[in-house]
Amino acid sequence: MLGSYLLGATPTSYIAGKLGRGIDLREHGSKNLGATNVYRILGWKYAIPVALIDIAKGAIPVLLAPTTPYPWLPLAAGGAAVLGHMFSPYVSFKGGKGVATAAGMFVALAPLAVLIAIAVWGACLWLTGYVSLSSIIGVLSVPLTVALLQPGASYVFWASVALVVLIIFAHRRNIRGLIAGTENRFRTRGGQSGRPAVGPSDP
């Protein structure tokens, strides 16, 4: 569990900022250590590897954890990695929003549910331009999909419910911004850039 937490806590975005431009991403853009902020500041060249590594941080503990005699252990290990990503001791317990690492966790647990969630996320992002709203709606689709496609996987279902609560908690500032109409868009439906994307809506 400790190994999973420390793996998840590896501050990929912080390292990318230091290697790419010698900066601390906590002082730029949305000031959040997530792949979206890496894209805003450093571009796709760094954002894509960061996102893939963050996904791997969630998948690896699940795949390596034994299921016997504790079938819940892979889920606990994945959850520890997500918490590590969100509350990293390497960067003063301020990490990303946990979406990419949680996606990696469920890639190993319920890959079809993740594919559907990605499709939901992409459609919502195209329609609204809000990364935060798209992330929340995409995550909300996971428990429903797990319940429909894996009805006997109670551990996975309840882990997905816990994931929803955690991700919504991580996006509480974004939710307030959405309600107030102050949340910044990543892009608009027509592909045009909105206001400078400096809001805290990062995965």
Protein backbone atom coordinates (compact mmCIF):
# COMPACT_ATOMS: atom_id res chain seq x y z
CA MET A 1 0.00 0.00 0.00
CA LEU A 2 2.82 2.38 0.87
CA GLY A 3 4.59 1.51 -2.39
CA SER A 4 1.40 2.22 -4.34
CA TYR A 5 0.95 5.55 -2.61
CA LEU A 6 4.54 6.63 -3.25
CA LEU A 7 4.35 5.54 -6.89
CA GLY A 8 1.15 7.50 -7.39
CA ALA A 9 2.73 10.47 -5.61
CA THR A 10 5.52 10.77 -8.20
CA PRO A 11 4.95 14.38 -9.38
CA THR A 12 5.10 13.79 -13.13
CA SER A 13 3.85 17.27 -14.04
CA TYR A 14 6.27 18.96 -11.66
CA ILE A 15 9.18 17.01 -13.16
CA ALA A 16 8.02 17.88 -16.70
CA GLY A 17 7.93 21.57 -15.82
CA LYS A 18 11.45 21.44 -14.40
CA LEU A 19 12.87 19.45 -17.31
CA GLY A 20 10.94 21.25 -20.04
CA ARG A 21 11.35 24.87 -19.04
CA GLY A 22 12.98 24.94 -15.63
CA ILE A 23 9.79 26.16 -13.97
CA ASP A 24 7.52 25.09 -11.13
CA LEU A 25 4.08 24.49 -12.65
CA ARG A 26 2.52 25.36 -9.30
CA GLU A 27 3.39 28.97 -10.15
CA HIS A 28 2.01 29.01 -13.70
CA GLY A 29 -1.29 28.57 -15.49
CA SER A 30 -3.84 26.98 -13.18
CA LYS A 31 -1.06 26.26 -10.66
CA ASN A 32 -2.22 22.64 -10.66
CA LEU A 33 0.04 19.65 -11.21
CA GLY A 34 -2.08 17.96 -13.84
CA ALA A 35 -1.64 17.06 -17.50
CA THR A 36 -4.01 19.83 -18.60
CA ASN A 37 -1.81 22.49 -17.05
CA VAL A 38 1.23 20.84 -18.63
CA TYR A 39 -0.50 21.23 -22.00
CA ARG A 40 -1.30 24.87 -21.32
CA ILE A 41 2.25 25.75 -20.38
CA LEU A 42 4.47 23.24 -22.21
CA GLY A 43 2.28 21.88 -25.03
CA TRP A 44 1.37 18.39 -26.23
CA LYS A 45 5.01 17.26 -26.43
CA TYR A 46 5.07 17.07 -22.64
CA ALA A 47 1.36 16.71 -21.84
CA ILE A 48 0.89 13.37 -23.61
CA PRO A 49 3.80 11.57 -21.86
CA VAL A 50 2.72 13.07 -18.52
CA ALA A 51 -0.85 11.82 -19.00
CA LEU A 52 0.31 8.34 -20.00
CA ILE A 53 2.64 8.09 -17.00
CA ASP A 54 -0.12 9.28 -14.68
CA ILE A 55 -2.40 6.60 -16.09
CA ALA A 56 0.31 3.97 -15.60
CA LYS A 57 0.70 5.06 -11.96
CA GLY A 58 -2.87 3.92 -11.35
CA ALA A 59 -2.75 0.73 -13.41
CA ILE A 60 0.54 -0.76 -12.21
CA PRO A 61 -0.40 -1.19 -8.50
CA VAL A 62 -3.69 -2.88 -9.47
CA LEU A 63 -1.97 -5.29 -11.84
CA LEU A 64 0.79 -6.17 -9.37
CA ALA A 65 -1.35 -6.56 -6.24
CA PRO A 66 -2.29 -10.18 -5.43
CA THR A 67 -5.99 -11.06 -5.30
CA THR A 68 -5.56 -14.04 -2.96
CA PRO A 69 -6.53 -14.15 -0.15
CA TYR A 70 -7.66 -10.52 -0.29
CA PRO A 71 -9.73 -9.77 -3.44
CA TRP A 72 -10.07 -6.13 -2.41
CA LEU A 73 -6.29 -5.52 -2.30
CA PRO A 74 -5.86 -4.45 -5.97
CA LEU A 75 -8.60 -1.85 -5.51
CA ALA A 76 -7.01 -0.58 -2.30
CA ALA A 77 -3.62 -0.37 -4.02
CA GLY A 78 -5.11 1.57 -6.92
CA GLY A 79 -6.91 3.89 -4.52
CA ALA A 80 -3.65 4.51 -2.66
CA ALA A 81 -2.00 5.51 -5.96
CA VAL A 82 -4.83 7.95 -6.72
CA LEU A 83 -4.50 9.52 -3.26
CA GLY A 84 -0.75 9.74 -3.78
CA HIS A 85 -1.27 11.61 -7.05
CA MET A 86 -3.68 14.05 -5.40
CA PHE A 87 -1.74 14.50 -2.15
CA SER A 88 1.91 14.02 -3.02
CA PRO A 89 4.41 14.35 -0.15
CA TYR A 90 7.07 15.25 -2.73
CA VAL A 91 5.36 18.57 -3.54
CA SER A 92 3.83 19.66 -0.21
CA PHE A 93 0.80 17.35 -0.65
CA LYS A 94 -0.48 19.39 -3.61
CA GLY A 95 -0.86 17.25 -6.72
CA GLY A 96 -3.33 16.85 -9.57
CA LYS A 97 -7.06 16.12 -9.53
CA GLY A 98 -6.55 12.35 -9.81
CA VAL A 99 -8.58 11.75 -12.97
CA ALA A 100 -5.78 10.27 -15.11
CA THR A 101 -4.44 8.06 -12.31
CA ALA A 102 -7.96 6.89 -11.45
CA ALA A 103 -8.50 6.12 -15.14
CA GLY A 104 -5.39 3.94 -15.02
CA MET A 105 -6.70 2.16 -11.97
CA PHE A 106 -9.95 1.30 -13.74
CA VAL A 107 -8.20 0.43 -17.01
CA ALA A 108 -6.91 -2.56 -15.04
CA LEU A 109 -10.21 -3.20 -13.24
CA ALA A 110 -12.92 -2.37 -15.80
CA PRO A 111 -11.40 -1.42 -19.17
CA LEU A 112 -14.71 -1.21 -21.05
CA ALA A 113 -16.14 1.15 -18.44
CA VAL A 114 -13.08 3.37 -18.91
CA LEU A 115 -13.50 3.39 -22.70
CA ILE A 116 -17.11 4.48 -22.29
CA ALA A 117 -16.09 7.13 -19.74
CA ILE A 118 -13.46 8.48 -22.15
CA ALA A 119 -16.09 8.72 -24.89
CA VAL A 120 -18.44 10.53 -22.50
CA TRP A 121 -15.60 12.85 -21.43
CA GLY A 122 -14.67 13.64 -25.03
CA ALA A 123 -18.25 14.33 -26.07
CA CYS A 124 -18.83 16.59 -23.08
CA LEU A 125 -15.57 18.46 -23.70
CA TRP A 126 -16.48 19.00 -27.35
CA LEU A 127 -19.95 20.26 -26.45
CA THR A 128 -19.03 22.46 -23.46
CA GLY A 129 -15.28 23.12 -23.53
CA TYR A 130 -15.04 22.55 -19.77
CA VAL A 131 -12.41 20.01 -18.71
CA SER A 132 -13.69 19.96 -15.13
CA LEU A 133 -17.33 19.32 -16.08
CA SER A 134 -16.28 16.68 -18.62
CA SER A 135 -14.14 14.92 -16.01
CA ILE A 136 -16.97 14.86 -13.47
CA ILE A 137 -19.54 13.56 -15.95
CA GLY A 138 -17.11 11.00 -17.33
CA VAL A 139 -16.35 9.68 -13.84
CA LEU A 140 -20.06 9.59 -12.97
CA SER A 141 -20.60 7.19 -15.88
CA VAL A 142 -18.20 4.59 -14.43
CA PRO A 143 -20.38 3.17 -11.60
CA LEU A 144 -23.36 2.89 -13.94
CA THR A 145 -21.31 1.11 -16.58
CA VAL A 146 -19.73 -1.24 -14.02
CA ALA A 147 -23.17 -2.08 -12.60
CA LEU A 148 -24.49 -2.91 -16.07
CA LEU A 149 -21.48 -4.77 -17.48
CA GLN A 150 -19.97 -6.35 -14.35
CA PRO A 151 -22.97 -6.99 -12.06
CA GLY A 152 -21.04 -9.45 -9.89
CA ALA A 153 -18.07 -7.15 -9.30
CA SER A 154 -19.24 -5.53 -6.08
CA TYR A 155 -15.75 -4.46 -5.03
CA VAL A 156 -15.20 -2.69 -8.34
CA PHE A 157 -18.62 -1.01 -8.17
CA TRP A 158 -18.09 0.40 -4.69
CA ALA A 159 -14.57 1.47 -5.59
CA SER A 160 -16.02 3.39 -8.53
CA VAL A 161 -18.56 5.06 -6.22
CA ALA A 162 -15.74 6.07 -3.88
CA LEU A 163 -13.86 7.37 -6.93
CA VAL A 164 -16.82 9.58 -7.88
CA VAL A 165 -16.90 11.10 -4.39
CA LEU A 166 -13.14 11.70 -4.43
CA ILE A 167 -13.09 13.31 -7.88
CA ILE A 168 -16.05 15.55 -7.09
CA PHE A 169 -14.30 16.63 -3.88
CA ALA A 170 -11.14 17.40 -5.87
CA HIS A 171 -13.19 19.52 -8.29
CA ARG A 172 -15.13 21.46 -5.65
CA ARG A 173 -13.54 24.77 -6.70
CA ASN A 174 -14.38 24.06 -10.32
CA ILE A 175 -17.98 23.25 -9.41
CA ARG A 176 -18.28 26.62 -7.66
CA GLY A 177 -16.84 28.25 -10.77
CA LEU A 178 -19.29 26.44 -13.04
CA ILE A 179 -22.23 27.54 -10.88
CA ALA A 180 -20.97 31.12 -10.76
CA GLY A 181 -20.17 31.17 -14.49
CA THR A 182 -16.49 31.95 -13.90
CA GLU A 183 -14.98 28.59 -14.87
CA ASN A 184 -12.60 28.92 -17.82
CA ARG A 185 -13.03 26.85 -20.94
CA PHE A 186 -10.34 24.64 -22.42
CA ARG A 187 -11.83 25.33 -25.85
CA THR A 188 -15.23 26.06 -27.32
CA ARG A 189 -17.43 23.74 -29.34
CA GLY A 190 -16.31 25.20 -32.63
CA GLY A 191 -12.67 24.59 -31.81
CA GLN A 192 -12.03 28.26 -31.03
CA SER A 193 -10.05 29.12 -27.96
CA GLY A 194 -12.01 30.71 -25.16
CA ARG A 195 -10.50 32.90 -22.50
CA PRO A 196 -6.94 32.00 -21.49
CA ALA A 197 -7.27 28.63 -19.81
CA VAL A 198 -5.97 29.44 -16.37
CA GLY A 199 -8.65 27.80 -14.23
CA PRO A 200 -7.88 24.98 -11.82
CA SER A 201 -9.56 22.25 -13.85
CA ASP A 202 -6.72 19.73 -14.36
CA PRO A 203 -6.73 15.92 -14.23
